Amino acid sequence: MKNPVYEQVQTRKVKARLRMLQHAQRVSGNVSQTCRFFGVSRALFYIWKKRFE
């Protein structure tokens, strides 16, 4: 049986990561600047980007 709370948390995480990727693409156009804004490393950004591709 699926845990609805766990699924909600996972959904929020995915949406937050997607927002960050969209920010880099649409708003700043600069990965380094986006990573500083969201407080994540560039390496982590590229890991998440690869997962969404």
C-alpha atoms as a PDB file:
ATOM      1  CA  MET A   1       0.000   0.000   0.000  1.00  0.00           C
ATOM      2  CA  LYS A   2       1.292   3.446  -0.904  1.00  0.00           C
ATOM      3  CA  ASN A   3       1.875   6.061   1.746  1.00  0.00           C
ATOM      4  CA  PRO A   4       0.102   9.293   0.686  1.00  0.00           C
ATOM      5  CA  VAL A   5       2.298  11.507   2.886  1.00  0.00           C
ATOM      6  CA  TYR A   6       5.467  10.069   1.354  1.00  0.00           C
ATOM      7  CA  GLU A   7       4.059  10.629  -2.127  1.00  0.00           C
ATOM      8  CA  GLN A   8       3.210  14.256  -1.305  1.00  0.00           C
ATOM      9  CA  VAL A   9       6.742  14.892  -0.063  1.00  0.00           C
ATOM     10  CA  GLN A  10       8.236  13.307  -3.167  1.00  0.00           C
ATOM     11  CA  THR A  11       5.930  15.327  -5.411  1.00  0.00           C
ATOM     12  CA  ARG A  12       7.002  18.556  -3.691  1.00  0.00           C
ATOM     13  CA  LYS A  13      10.669  17.673  -4.134  1.00  0.00           C
ATOM     14  CA  VAL A  14      10.205  16.933  -7.820  1.00  0.00           C
ATOM     15  CA  LYS A  15       8.306  20.180  -8.379  1.00  0.00           C
ATOM     16  CA  ALA A  16      10.998  22.197  -6.594  1.00  0.00           C
ATOM     17  CA  ARG A  17      13.730  20.615  -8.701  1.00  0.00           C
ATOM     18  CA  LEU A  18      11.762  21.208 -11.860  1.00  0.00           C
ATOM     19  CA  ARG A  19      11.274  24.879 -10.904  1.00  0.00           C
ATOM     20  CA  MET A  20      15.025  25.214 -10.497  1.00  0.00           C
ATOM     21  CA  LEU A  21      15.708  23.668 -13.905  1.00  0.00           C
ATOM     22  CA  GLN A  22      13.101  25.920 -15.507  1.00  0.00           C
ATOM     23  CA  HIS A  23      14.617  28.960 -13.805  1.00  0.00           C
ATOM     24  CA  ALA A  24      17.992  28.178 -15.339  1.00  0.00           C
ATOM     25  CA  GLN A  25      16.447  27.723 -18.745  1.00  0.00           C
ATOM     26  CA  ARG A  26      13.905  30.548 -18.869  1.00  0.00           C
ATOM     27  CA  VAL A  27      14.886  33.228 -16.385  1.00  0.00           C
ATOM     28  CA  SER A  28      18.609  33.447 -15.889  1.00  0.00           C
ATOM     29  CA  GLY A  29      20.057  31.358 -18.688  1.00  0.00           C
ATOM     30  CA  ASN A  30      22.999  30.873 -16.348  1.00  0.00           C
ATOM     31  CA  VAL A  31      23.468  27.630 -14.400  1.00  0.00           C
ATOM     32  CA  SER A  32      25.970  29.050 -11.903  1.00  0.00           C
ATOM     33  CA  GLN A  33      23.697  31.954 -11.058  1.00  0.00           C
ATOM     34  CA  THR A  34      20.687  29.662 -10.668  1.00  0.00           C
ATOM     35  CA  CYS A  35      22.603  27.297  -8.387  1.00  0.00           C
ATOM     36  CA  ARG A  36      23.674  30.185  -6.163  1.00  0.00           C
ATOM     37  CA  PHE A  37      20.083  31.433  -6.029  1.00  0.00           C
ATOM     38  CA  PHE A  38      18.710  28.003  -5.029  1.00  0.00           C
ATOM     39  CA  GLY A  39      21.676  27.052  -2.835  1.00  0.00           C
ATOM     40  CA  VAL A  40      22.719  23.881  -4.656  1.00  0.00           C
ATOM     41  CA  SER A  41      25.945  22.809  -6.309  1.00  0.00           C
ATOM     42  CA  ARG A  42      26.356  22.753 -10.067  1.00  0.00           C
ATOM     43  CA  ALA A  43      27.125  19.029  -9.876  1.00  0.00           C
ATOM     44  CA  LEU A  44      23.774  18.397  -8.188  1.00  0.00           C
ATOM     45  CA  PHE A  45      22.035  20.612 -10.752  1.00  0.00           C
ATOM     46  CA  TYR A  46      23.399  18.495 -13.591  1.00  0.00           C
ATOM     47  CA  ILE A  47      22.417  15.255 -11.828  1.00  0.00           C
ATOM     48  CA  TRP A  48      18.834  16.512 -11.547  1.00  0.00           C
ATOM     49  CA  LYS A  49      18.889  17.788 -15.114  1.00  0.00           C
ATOM     50  CA  LYS A  50      19.970  14.373 -16.385  1.00  0.00           C
ATOM     51  CA  ARG A  51      17.100  12.711 -14.483  1.00  0.00           C
ATOM     52  CA  PHE A  52      14.531  14.993 -16.103  1.00  0.00           C
ATOM     53  CA  GLU A  53      15.812  14.502 -19.638  1.00  0.00           C
END
